[in-house]
Amino acid sequence: MATAQPKVQGAAVGMSPKEETFWQLVWYRFRRHKMAMVSVAILLLLYFVAIAAPLLAPHDPMEVGVGPRFAPPSWEFPAGTDRLGRDLFSRILFGARISLSVGFVAAGVSMTIGTIVGAIAGYFGGIVDEVLMRICEVIMAIPTFFLLLTVVAVFERSMLNIMLVIGFTTWPSAARLVRGQFLSLREMDYVEAARSIGAKGGRIVAQHILPNTMAPIIVSTTLRVGGAILTESGLSFLGIGVTNPASWGTLLEIGRHTMQFAIWMVTIPGTLIFITVLAFNYIGDGLRDALDPQLK
């Protein structure tokens, strides 16, 4: 009697036997997360709009008097106008460049510094770990937002400075995450095997430990982008963000004075901030599920 053939692991999760590589399995899991896929589509649209802002904007975002003051949304002015008669739709398109760029660059700076510091602390341990972690704890003991306010108030309020300030003040939590991963991975058998054949520390970190730490790093970076956008919006709402061109947070700060008779000046940029941050969080959730090695 013929016995039943066991199914391959790829078929057990709905994949063909040829699709067994790690990244193919990650993509299969990720696309099953419907909200993550919707979020990817939304963010791709937002980034396309931000890149093509000079082509899509019907007016110069800084041009005064292109329409009546506080005109409500209409076919001519899809997002209305502000107190100077400027087209809010054009200002929102150009503001997307600021908000989305700050999110990516600030999160990249934060995770780069955090990964380097955490890797050094976790791999070498001992006095190196103690010193670096005490530095992290000192920075984390200072309320981040107040630290940001102080640094931004001292330096010039340019987009590059805002990005760097957010990145340089939010790296300690990333360093602690990476350090924890390195502390556990450096004791694994394959790391000991690499040491036994004479592999140097840098090679062990680059080829054996760091690749196995990329999953939490990627997820954390995705979530940090949304956090950086919120931080920049908060700074701009307090009047110390980028003003030329105005970011979404700056548009919120301008519109808060007119909420009683021009509510669209607040609701439109506020809704865009909400949707963008929520989309990054959903993508982070999808990546976390897709990269989780415990899932089968």
C-alpha atoms as a PDB file:
ATOM      1  CA  MET A   1       0.000   0.000   0.000  1.00  0.00           C
ATOM      2  CA  ALA A   2       1.328   3.390  -0.958  1.00  0.00           C
ATOM      3  CA  THR A   3       2.012   5.671   1.955  1.00  0.00           C
ATOM      4  CA  ALA A   4       1.042   9.340   1.986  1.00  0.00           C
ATOM      5  CA  GLN A   5       3.902  11.651   1.159  1.00  0.00           C
ATOM      6  CA  PRO A   6       4.603  14.313   3.787  1.00  0.00           C
ATOM      7  CA  LYS A   7       4.052  17.913   2.723  1.00  0.00           C
ATOM      8  CA  VAL A   8       7.019  20.233   2.510  1.00  0.00           C
ATOM      9  CA  GLN A   9       7.134  23.125   4.901  1.00  0.00           C
ATOM     10  CA  GLY A  10       6.569  25.666   2.112  1.00  0.00           C
ATOM     11  CA  ALA A  11       3.353  23.933   1.076  1.00  0.00           C
ATOM     12  CA  ALA A  12       2.152  23.908   4.675  1.00  0.00           C
ATOM     13  CA  VAL A  13       1.955  27.691   4.605  1.00  0.00           C
ATOM     14  CA  GLY A  14       0.537  27.904   1.101  1.00  0.00           C
ATOM     15  CA  MET A  15       3.790  28.294  -0.800  1.00  0.00           C
ATOM     16  CA  SER A  16       5.237  26.258  -3.618  1.00  0.00           C
ATOM     17  CA  PRO A  17       8.260  24.085  -2.794  1.00  0.00           C
ATOM     18  CA  LYS A  18      10.513  26.456  -4.761  1.00  0.00           C
ATOM     19  CA  GLU A  19       9.660  29.430  -2.524  1.00  0.00           C
ATOM     20  CA  GLU A  20      11.630  28.473   0.533  1.00  0.00           C
ATOM     21  CA  THR A  21      14.133  31.305   0.907  1.00  0.00           C
ATOM     22  CA  PHE A  22      13.922  33.458   4.006  1.00  0.00           C
ATOM     23  CA  TRP A  23      12.949  36.701   2.270  1.00  0.00           C
ATOM     24  CA  GLN A  24      10.317  34.974   0.135  1.00  0.00           C
ATOM     25  CA  LEU A  25       8.778  33.599   3.307  1.00  0.00           C
ATOM     26  CA  VAL A  26       8.941  37.055   4.904  1.00  0.00           C
ATOM     27  CA  TRP A  27       7.174  38.604   1.897  1.00  0.00           C
ATOM     28  CA  TYR A  28       4.515  35.870   1.979  1.00  0.00           C
ATOM     29  CA  ARG A  29       3.805  36.551   5.655  1.00  0.00           C
ATOM     30  CA  PHE A  30       3.901  40.315   5.225  1.00  0.00           C
ATOM     31  CA  ARG A  31       1.405  40.435   2.369  1.00  0.00           C
ATOM     32  CA  ARG A  32      -1.062  38.446   4.462  1.00  0.00           C
ATOM     33  CA  HIS A  33      -1.223  41.431   6.827  1.00  0.00           C
ATOM     34  CA  LYS A  34      -3.929  43.407   5.035  1.00  0.00           C
ATOM     35  CA  MET A  35      -3.543  46.642   6.986  1.00  0.00           C
ATOM     36  CA  ALA A  36       0.214  46.600   6.413  1.00  0.00           C
ATOM     37  CA  MET A  37      -0.313  46.275   2.662  1.00  0.00           C
ATOM     38  CA  VAL A  38      -2.868  49.097   2.675  1.00  0.00           C
ATOM     39  CA  SER A  39      -0.394  51.191   4.657  1.00  0.00           C
ATOM     40  CA  VAL A  40       2.346  50.521   2.104  1.00  0.00           C
ATOM     41  CA  ALA A  41       0.044  51.739  -0.672  1.00  0.00           C
ATOM     42  CA  ILE A  42      -0.854  54.880   1.305  1.00  0.00           C
ATOM     43  CA  LEU A  43       2.780  55.721   2.055  1.00  0.00           C
ATOM     44  CA  LEU A  44       3.858  55.128  -1.544  1.00  0.00           C
ATOM     45  CA  LEU A  45       1.157  57.571  -2.621  1.00  0.00           C
ATOM     46  CA  LEU A  46       2.233  60.143  -0.027  1.00  0.00           C
ATOM     47  CA  TYR A  47       5.893  59.899  -1.010  1.00  0.00           C
ATOM     48  CA  PHE A  48       5.018  60.170  -4.683  1.00  0.00           C
ATOM     49  CA  VAL A  49       2.975  63.293  -3.935  1.00  0.00           C
ATOM     50  CA  ALA A  50       5.850  64.746  -1.897  1.00  0.00           C
ATOM     51  CA  ILE A  51       8.404  64.115  -4.653  1.00  0.00           C
ATOM     52  CA  ALA A  52       6.108  65.463  -7.366  1.00  0.00           C
ATOM     53  CA  ALA A  53       4.940  68.458  -5.294  1.00  0.00           C
ATOM     54  CA  PRO A  54       6.395  71.079  -7.713  1.00  0.00           C
ATOM     55  CA  LEU A  55       4.430  69.451 -10.552  1.00  0.00           C
ATOM     56  CA  LEU A  56       1.199  68.836  -8.638  1.00  0.00           C
ATOM     57  CA  ALA A  57       0.934  72.097  -6.697  1.00  0.00           C
ATOM     58  CA  PRO A  58      -1.389  74.528  -8.527  1.00  0.00           C
ATOM     59  CA  HIS A  59       0.198  77.587  -6.879  1.00  0.00           C
ATOM     60  CA  ASP A  60       3.408  78.711  -5.235  1.00  0.00           C
ATOM     61  CA  PRO A  61       2.999  77.701  -1.561  1.00  0.00           C
ATOM     62  CA  MET A  62       4.399  81.052  -0.426  1.00  0.00           C
ATOM     63  CA  GLU A  63       2.436  83.222  -2.852  1.00  0.00           C
ATOM     64  CA  VAL A  64       0.092  85.607  -1.039  1.00  0.00           C
ATOM     65  CA  GLY A  65      -3.355  86.548  -2.306  1.00  0.00           C
ATOM     66  CA  VAL A  66      -3.971  83.744  -4.797  1.00  0.00           C
ATOM     67  CA  GLY A  67      -7.510  83.588  -3.397  1.00  0.00           C
ATOM     68  CA  PRO A  68      -9.753  85.182  -0.780  1.00  0.00           C
ATOM     69  CA  ARG A  69      -8.752  84.919   2.879  1.00  0.00           C
ATOM     70  CA  PHE A  70     -10.028  81.810   4.707  1.00  0.00           C
ATOM     71  CA  ALA A  71     -11.782  80.418   1.632  1.00  0.00           C
ATOM     72  CA  PRO A  72     -13.291  76.991   2.424  1.00  0.00           C
ATOM     73  CA  PRO A  73     -12.290  73.900   0.411  1.00  0.00           C
ATOM     74  CA  SER A  74     -13.574  74.051  -3.154  1.00  0.00           C
ATOM     75  CA  TRP A  75     -12.733  72.840  -6.652  1.00  0.00           C
ATOM     76  CA  GLU A  76     -10.425  75.830  -7.119  1.00  0.00           C
ATOM     77  CA  PHE A  77      -8.791  75.448  -3.678  1.00  0.00           C
ATOM     78  CA  PRO A  78      -9.137  71.778  -2.590  1.00  0.00           C
ATOM     79  CA  ALA A  79      -7.860  72.508   0.944  1.00  0.00           C
ATOM     80  CA  GLY A  80      -9.027  76.124   1.207  1.00  0.00           C
ATOM     81  CA  THR A  81      -6.843  79.149   1.840  1.00  0.00           C
ATOM     82  CA  ASP A  82      -5.217  80.670   4.932  1.00  0.00           C
ATOM     83  CA  ARG A  83      -5.289  84.135   6.464  1.00  0.00           C
ATOM     84  CA  LEU A  84      -2.984  85.491   3.753  1.00  0.00           C
ATOM     85  CA  GLY A  85      -4.919  83.966   0.890  1.00  0.00           C
ATOM     86  CA  ARG A  86      -2.293  81.284   0.231  1.00  0.00           C
ATOM     87  CA  ASP A  87      -3.372  77.966  -1.277  1.00  0.00           C
ATOM     88  CA  LEU A  88      -3.343  75.385   1.522  1.00  0.00           C
ATOM     89  CA  PHE A  89      -3.316  72.452  -0.899  1.00  0.00           C
ATOM     90  CA  SER A  90       0.027  73.611  -2.323  1.00  0.00           C
ATOM     91  CA  ARG A  91       1.384  74.245   1.171  1.00  0.00           C
ATOM     92  CA  ILE A  92       0.348  70.747   2.275  1.00  0.00           C
ATOM     93  CA  LEU A  93       2.054  69.145  -0.741  1.00  0.00           C
ATOM     94  CA  PHE A  94       5.332  70.902  -0.015  1.00  0.00           C
ATOM     95  CA  GLY A  95       4.891  70.298   3.722  1.00  0.00           C
ATOM     96  CA  ALA A  96       4.791  66.568   3.028  1.00  0.00           C
ATOM     97  CA  ARG A  97       8.402  66.814   1.863  1.00  0.00           C
ATOM     98  CA  ILE A  98       9.467  68.184   5.236  1.00  0.00           C
ATOM     99  CA  SER A  99       7.471  65.851   7.468  1.00  0.00           C
ATOM    100  CA  LEU A 100       8.232  62.645   5.556  1.00  0.00           C
ATOM    101  CA  SER A 101      11.919  63.477   5.069  1.00  0.00           C
ATOM    102  CA  VAL A 102      12.399  64.309   8.738  1.00  0.00           C
ATOM    103  CA  GLY A 103      10.832  60.995   9.718  1.00  0.00           C
ATOM    104  CA  PHE A 104      13.124  58.861   7.580  1.00  0.00           C
ATOM    105  CA  VAL A 105      16.383  60.713   8.172  1.00  0.00           C
ATOM    106  CA  ALA A 106      15.871  61.141  11.927  1.00  0.00           C
ATOM    107  CA  ALA A 107      14.948  57.479  12.353  1.00  0.00           C
ATOM    108  CA  GLY A 108      17.954  56.456  10.260  1.00  0.00           C
ATOM    109  CA  VAL A 109      20.339  58.571  12.337  1.00  0.00           C
ATOM    110  CA  SER A 110      18.853  57.266  15.582  1.00  0.00           C
ATOM    111  CA  MET A 111      19.065  53.600  14.580  1.00  0.00           C
ATOM    112  CA  THR A 112      22.557  53.952  13.081  1.00  0.00           C
ATOM    113  CA  ILE A 113      23.999  55.421  16.273  1.00  0.00           C
ATOM    114  CA  GLY A 114      21.987  53.044  18.443  1.00  0.00           C
ATOM    115  CA  THR A 115      23.092  49.999  16.441  1.00  0.00           C
ATOM    116  CA  ILE A 116      26.785  50.920  16.622  1.00  0.00           C
ATOM    117  CA  VAL A 117      26.709  51.692  20.349  1.00  0.00           C
ATOM    118  CA  GLY A 118      24.543  48.679  21.183  1.00  0.00           C
ATOM    119  CA  ALA A 119      26.698  46.322  19.120  1.00  0.00           C
ATOM    120  CA  ILE A 120      29.903  47.483  20.823  1.00  0.00           C
ATOM    121  CA  ALA A 121      28.351  47.267  24.285  1.00  0.00           C
ATOM    122  CA  GLY A 122      26.721  43.883  23.715  1.00  0.00           C
ATOM    123  CA  TYR A 123      29.653  42.184  22.044  1.00  0.00           C
ATOM    124  CA  PHE A 124      32.513  43.344  24.246  1.00  0.00           C
ATOM    125  CA  GLY A 125      30.624  43.585  27.552  1.00  0.00           C
ATOM    126  CA  GLY A 126      32.523  44.353  30.735  1.00  0.00           C
ATOM    127  CA  ILE A 127      33.678  47.903  31.375  1.00  0.00           C
ATOM    128  CA  VAL A 128      32.826  48.947  27.794  1.00  0.00           C
ATOM    129  CA  ASP A 129      29.232  47.851  28.309  1.00  0.00           C
ATOM    130  CA  GLU A 130      29.024  49.587  31.684  1.00  0.00           C
ATOM    131  CA  VAL A 131      30.301  52.925  30.384  1.00  0.00           C
ATOM    132  CA  LEU A 132      28.114  52.977  27.283  1.00  0.00           C
ATOM    133  CA  MET A 133      24.975  51.943  29.149  1.00  0.00           C
ATOM    134  CA  ARG A 134      25.536  54.591  31.827  1.00  0.00           C
ATOM    135  CA  ILE A 135      25.780  57.198  29.058  1.00  0.00           C
ATOM    136  CA  CYS A 136      22.508  55.893  27.621  1.00  0.00           C
ATOM    137  CA  GLU A 137      20.822  56.059  31.000  1.00  0.00           C
ATOM    138  CA  VAL A 138      21.955  59.651  31.545  1.00  0.00           C
ATOM    139  CA  ILE A 139      20.479  60.702  28.207  1.00  0.00           C
ATOM    140  CA  MET A 140      17.283  58.728  28.799  1.00  0.00           C
ATOM    141  CA  ALA A 141      16.896  60.316  32.236  1.00  0.00           C
ATOM    142  CA  ILE A 142      16.455  63.709  30.555  1.00  0.00           C
ATOM    143  CA  PRO A 143      12.928  64.161  29.128  1.00  0.00           C
ATOM    144  CA  THR A 144      13.505  63.827  25.394  1.00  0.00           C
ATOM    145  CA  PHE A 145      11.119  66.552  24.329  1.00  0.00           C
ATOM    146  CA  PHE A 146      12.626  69.119  26.695  1.00  0.00           C
ATOM    147  CA  LEU A 147      16.095  68.134  25.494  1.00  0.00           C
ATOM    148  CA  LEU A 148      14.920  68.660  21.933  1.00  0.00           C
ATOM    149  CA  LEU A 149      13.471  72.062  22.819  1.00  0.00           C
ATOM    150  CA  THR A 150      16.781  73.124  24.338  1.00  0.00           C
ATOM    151  CA  VAL A 151      18.944  71.942  21.449  1.00  0.00           C
ATOM    152  CA  VAL A 152      16.654  73.341  18.751  1.00  0.00           C
ATOM    153  CA  ALA A 153      16.498  76.690  20.553  1.00  0.00           C
ATOM    154  CA  VAL A 154      20.305  76.918  20.539  1.00  0.00           C
ATOM    155  CA  PHE A 155      20.965  75.940  16.919  1.00  0.00           C
ATOM    156  CA  GLU A 156      19.536  77.236  13.681  1.00  0.00           C
ATOM    157  CA  ARG A 157      16.053  75.963  12.848  1.00  0.00           C
ATOM    158  CA  SER A 158      16.837  74.320   9.516  1.00  0.00           C
ATOM    159  CA  MET A 159      15.402  71.041   8.260  1.00  0.00           C
ATOM    160  CA  LEU A 160      18.804  69.325   8.483  1.00  0.00           C
ATOM    161  CA  ASN A 161      19.305  70.453  12.078  1.00  0.00           C
ATOM    162  CA  ILE A 162      15.826  69.247  13.063  1.00  0.00           C
ATOM    163  CA  MET A 163      16.573  65.824  11.556  1.00  0.00           C
ATOM    164  CA  LEU A 164      19.944  65.513  13.276  1.00  0.00           C
ATOM    165  CA  VAL A 165      18.679  66.763  16.631  1.00  0.00           C
ATOM    166  CA  ILE A 166      15.847  64.225  16.715  1.00  0.00           C
ATOM    167  CA  GLY A 167      18.226  61.444  15.661  1.00  0.00           C
ATOM    168  CA  PHE A 168      20.980  62.351  18.142  1.00  0.00           C
ATOM    169  CA  THR A 169      18.566  62.574  21.097  1.00  0.00           C
ATOM    170  CA  THR A 170      16.583  59.356  20.542  1.00  0.00           C
ATOM    171  CA  TRP A 171      19.290  56.723  19.970  1.00  0.00           C
ATOM    172  CA  PRO A 172      19.688  55.322  23.539  1.00  0.00           C
ATOM    173  CA  SER A 173      16.573  53.134  23.377  1.00  0.00           C
ATOM    174  CA  ALA A 174      17.783  51.703  20.060  1.00  0.00           C
ATOM    175  CA  ALA A 175      21.180  51.003  21.625  1.00  0.00           C
ATOM    176  CA  ARG A 176      19.561  49.076  24.481  1.00  0.00           C
ATOM    177  CA  LEU A 177      17.536  47.010  22.008  1.00  0.00           C
ATOM    178  CA  VAL A 178      20.592  46.069  19.932  1.00  0.00           C
ATOM    179  CA  ARG A 179      22.692  45.428  23.045  1.00  0.00           C
ATOM    180  CA  GLY A 180      20.135  42.905  24.316  1.00  0.00           C
ATOM    181  CA  GLN A 181      20.180  41.057  21.003  1.00  0.00           C
ATOM    182  CA  PHE A 182      23.990  40.958  20.927  1.00  0.00           C
ATOM    183  CA  LEU A 183      24.225  39.706  24.520  1.00  0.00           C
ATOM    184  CA  SER A 184      22.108  36.673  23.636  1.00  0.00           C
ATOM    185  CA  LEU A 185      23.547  35.994  20.185  1.00  0.00           C
ATOM    186  CA  ARG A 186      27.232  36.193  21.171  1.00  0.00           C
ATOM    187  CA  GLU A 187      26.779  33.018  23.250  1.00  0.00           C
ATOM    188  CA  MET A 188      25.325  30.982  20.373  1.00  0.00           C
ATOM    189  CA  ASP A 189      27.182  27.919  19.107  1.00  0.00           C
ATOM    190  CA  TYR A 190      27.865  29.317  15.632  1.00  0.00           C
ATOM    191  CA  VAL A 191      29.566  32.367  17.184  1.00  0.00           C
ATOM    192  CA  GLU A 192      31.736  30.132  19.367  1.00  0.00           C
ATOM    193  CA  ALA A 193      32.578  28.088  16.272  1.00  0.00           C
ATOM    194  CA  ALA A 194      33.658  31.225  14.440  1.00  0.00           C
ATOM    195  CA  ARG A 195      35.892  32.206  17.365  1.00  0.00           C
ATOM    196  CA  SER A 196      37.411  28.744  17.474  1.00  0.00           C
ATOM    197  CA  ILE A 197      38.617  28.979  13.882  1.00  0.00           C
ATOM    198  CA  GLY A 198      40.261  32.335  14.554  1.00  0.00           C
ATOM    199  CA  ALA A 199      37.660  34.777  13.207  1.00  0.00           C
ATOM    200  CA  LYS A 200      38.220  38.338  14.403  1.00  0.00           C
ATOM    201  CA  GLY A 201      35.657  40.296  16.397  1.00  0.00           C
ATOM    202  CA  GLY A 202      34.718  42.606  13.533  1.00  0.00           C
ATOM    203  CA  ARG A 203      34.124  39.697  11.174  1.00  0.00           C
ATOM    204  CA  ILE A 204      32.034  37.839  13.746  1.00  0.00           C
ATOM    205  CA  VAL A 205      29.870  40.890  14.322  1.00  0.00           C
ATOM    206  CA  ALA A 206      29.439  41.702  10.620  1.00  0.00           C
ATOM    207  CA  GLN A 207      28.883  38.171   9.314  1.00  0.00           C
ATOM    208  CA  HIS A 208      27.300  36.249  12.167  1.00  0.00           C
ATOM    209  CA  ILE A 209      25.667  38.437  14.811  1.00  0.00           C
ATOM    210  CA  LEU A 210      24.483  41.585  13.025  1.00  0.00           C
ATOM    211  CA  PRO A 211      22.545  39.757  10.249  1.00  0.00           C
ATOM    212  CA  ASN A 212      20.591  37.900  12.922  1.00  0.00           C
ATOM    213  CA  THR A 213      19.791  41.196  14.626  1.00  0.00           C
ATOM    214  CA  MET A 214      18.381  42.874  11.523  1.00  0.00           C
ATOM    215  CA  ALA A 215      14.783  41.781  12.114  1.00  0.00           C
ATOM    216  CA  PRO A 216      14.229  43.804  15.327  1.00  0.00           C
ATOM    217  CA  ILE A 217      16.319  46.657  13.897  1.00  0.00           C
ATOM    218  CA  ILE A 218      14.105  46.888  10.804  1.00  0.00           C
ATOM    219  CA  VAL A 219      10.903  46.780  12.847  1.00  0.00           C
ATOM    220  CA  SER A 220      12.184  49.362  15.325  1.00  0.00           C
ATOM    221  CA  THR A 221      13.304  51.683  12.516  1.00  0.00           C
ATOM    222  CA  THR A 222       9.870  51.551  10.913  1.00  0.00           C
ATOM    223  CA  LEU A 223       8.174  52.488  14.173  1.00  0.00           C
ATOM    224  CA  ARG A 224      10.705  55.251  14.799  1.00  0.00           C
ATOM    225  CA  VAL A 225       9.846  56.958  11.529  1.00  0.00           C
ATOM    226  CA  GLY A 226       6.323  57.582  12.774  1.00  0.00           C
ATOM    227  CA  GLY A 227       7.659  58.729  16.128  1.00  0.00           C
ATOM    228  CA  ALA A 228      10.057  61.165  14.451  1.00  0.00           C
ATOM    229  CA  ILE A 229       7.222  62.628  12.375  1.00  0.00           C
ATOM    230  CA  LEU A 230       5.201  63.182  15.546  1.00  0.00           C
ATOM    231  CA  THR A 231       8.210  64.757  17.271  1.00  0.00           C
ATOM    232  CA  GLU A 232       8.820  67.162  14.388  1.00  0.00           C
ATOM    233  CA  SER A 233       5.121  68.016  14.308  1.00  0.00           C
ATOM    234  CA  GLY A 234       5.208  68.737  18.026  1.00  0.00           C
ATOM    235  CA  LEU A 235       8.226  71.007  17.667  1.00  0.00           C
ATOM    236  CA  SER A 236       6.618  72.835  14.748  1.00  0.00           C
ATOM    237  CA  PHE A 237       3.342  73.153  16.653  1.00  0.00           C
ATOM    238  CA  LEU A 238       5.278  74.947  19.389  1.00  0.00           C
ATOM    239  CA  GLY A 239       6.713  77.322  16.806  1.00  0.00           C
ATOM    240  CA  ILE A 240      10.306  76.051  16.706  1.00  0.00           C
ATOM    241  CA  GLY A 241      10.122  73.827  13.656  1.00  0.00           C
ATOM    242  CA  VAL A 242      10.729  74.339   9.953  1.00  0.00           C
ATOM    243  CA  THR A 243       8.765  77.313   8.605  1.00  0.00           C
ATOM    244  CA  ASN A 244       9.879  77.684   4.982  1.00  0.00           C
ATOM    245  CA  PRO A 245       8.289  75.700   3.505  1.00  0.00           C
ATOM    246  CA  ALA A 246       5.902  74.889   6.326  1.00  0.00           C
ATOM    247  CA  SER A 247       5.709  71.303   7.557  1.00  0.00           C
ATOM    248  CA  TRP A 248       2.409  69.707   8.524  1.00  0.00           C
ATOM    249  CA  GLY A 249       3.130  70.547  12.161  1.00  0.00           C
ATOM    250  CA  THR A 250       3.692  74.208  11.276  1.00  0.00           C
ATOM    251  CA  LEU A 251       0.383  74.267   9.400  1.00  0.00           C
ATOM    252  CA  LEU A 252      -1.275  72.920  12.544  1.00  0.00           C
ATOM    253  CA  GLU A 253       0.280  75.684  14.619  1.00  0.00           C
ATOM    254  CA  ILE A 254      -0.937  78.322  12.154  1.00  0.00           C
ATOM    255  CA  GLY A 255      -4.412  76.840  11.955  1.00  0.00           C
ATOM    256  CA  ARG A 256      -5.023  76.493  15.694  1.00  0.00           C
ATOM    257  CA  HIS A 257      -5.787  80.213  15.908  1.00  0.00           C
ATOM    258  CA  THR A 258      -8.597  79.891  13.379  1.00  0.00           C
ATOM    259  CA  MET A 259     -10.343  76.706  14.537  1.00  0.00           C
ATOM    260  CA  GLN A 260     -13.643  78.491  15.286  1.00  0.00           C
ATOM    261  CA  PHE A 261     -14.203  79.670  11.707  1.00  0.00           C
ATOM    262  CA  ALA A 262     -11.646  77.793   9.529  1.00  0.00           C
ATOM    263  CA  ILE A 263     -11.524  74.287  10.974  1.00  0.00           C
ATOM    264  CA  TRP A 264     -10.111  72.850   7.727  1.00  0.00           C
ATOM    265  CA  MET A 265      -6.781  74.516   8.431  1.00  0.00           C
ATOM    266  CA  VAL A 266      -6.315  72.091  11.336  1.00  0.00           C
ATOM    267  CA  THR A 267      -8.244  69.000  10.312  1.00  0.00           C
ATOM    268  CA  ILE A 268      -6.506  68.421   6.959  1.00  0.00           C
ATOM    269  CA  PRO A 269      -2.824  68.502   8.097  1.00  0.00           C
ATOM    270  CA  GLY A 270      -3.793  66.808  11.379  1.00  0.00           C
ATOM    271  CA  THR A 271      -5.508  63.980   9.506  1.00  0.00           C
ATOM    272  CA  LEU A 272      -2.480  63.526   7.251  1.00  0.00           C
ATOM    273  CA  ILE A 273      -0.161  63.269  10.266  1.00  0.00           C
ATOM    274  CA  PHE A 274      -2.508  60.737  11.874  1.00  0.00           C
ATOM    275  CA  ILE A 275      -2.768  58.598   8.726  1.00  0.00           C
ATOM    276  CA  THR A 276       0.998  58.660   8.100  1.00  0.00           C
ATOM    277  CA  VAL A 277       1.989  57.683  11.637  1.00  0.00           C
ATOM    278  CA  LEU A 278      -0.712  55.002  11.758  1.00  0.00           C
ATOM    279  CA  ALA A 279       0.499  53.590   8.433  1.00  0.00           C
ATOM    280  CA  PHE A 280       4.076  53.304   9.692  1.00  0.00           C
ATOM    281  CA  ASN A 281       2.827  51.563  12.839  1.00  0.00           C
ATOM    282  CA  TYR A 282       0.828  49.045  10.804  1.00  0.00           C
ATOM    283  CA  ILE A 283       3.856  48.376   8.592  1.00  0.00           C
ATOM    284  CA  GLY A 284       5.907  47.830  11.748  1.00  0.00           C
ATOM    285  CA  ASP A 285       3.311  45.337  12.984  1.00  0.00           C
ATOM    286  CA  GLY A 286       3.367  43.538   9.650  1.00  0.00           C
ATOM    287  CA  LEU A 287       7.156  43.355   9.599  1.00  0.00           C
ATOM    288  CA  ARG A 288       7.243  42.145  13.186  1.00  0.00           C
ATOM    289  CA  ASP A 289       4.905  39.264  12.333  1.00  0.00           C
ATOM    290  CA  ALA A 290       6.726  38.481   9.075  1.00  0.00           C
ATOM    291  CA  LEU A 291      10.200  38.490  10.619  1.00  0.00           C
ATOM    292  CA  ASP A 292       9.263  36.587  13.780  1.00  0.00           C
ATOM    293  CA  PRO A 293      11.268  33.338  13.628  1.00  0.00           C
ATOM    294  CA  GLN A 294       8.793  31.662  15.995  1.00  0.00           C
ATOM    295  CA  LEU A 295       6.023  31.775  13.366  1.00  0.00           C
ATOM    296  CA  LYS A 296       5.680  28.741  11.147  1.00  0.00           C
END
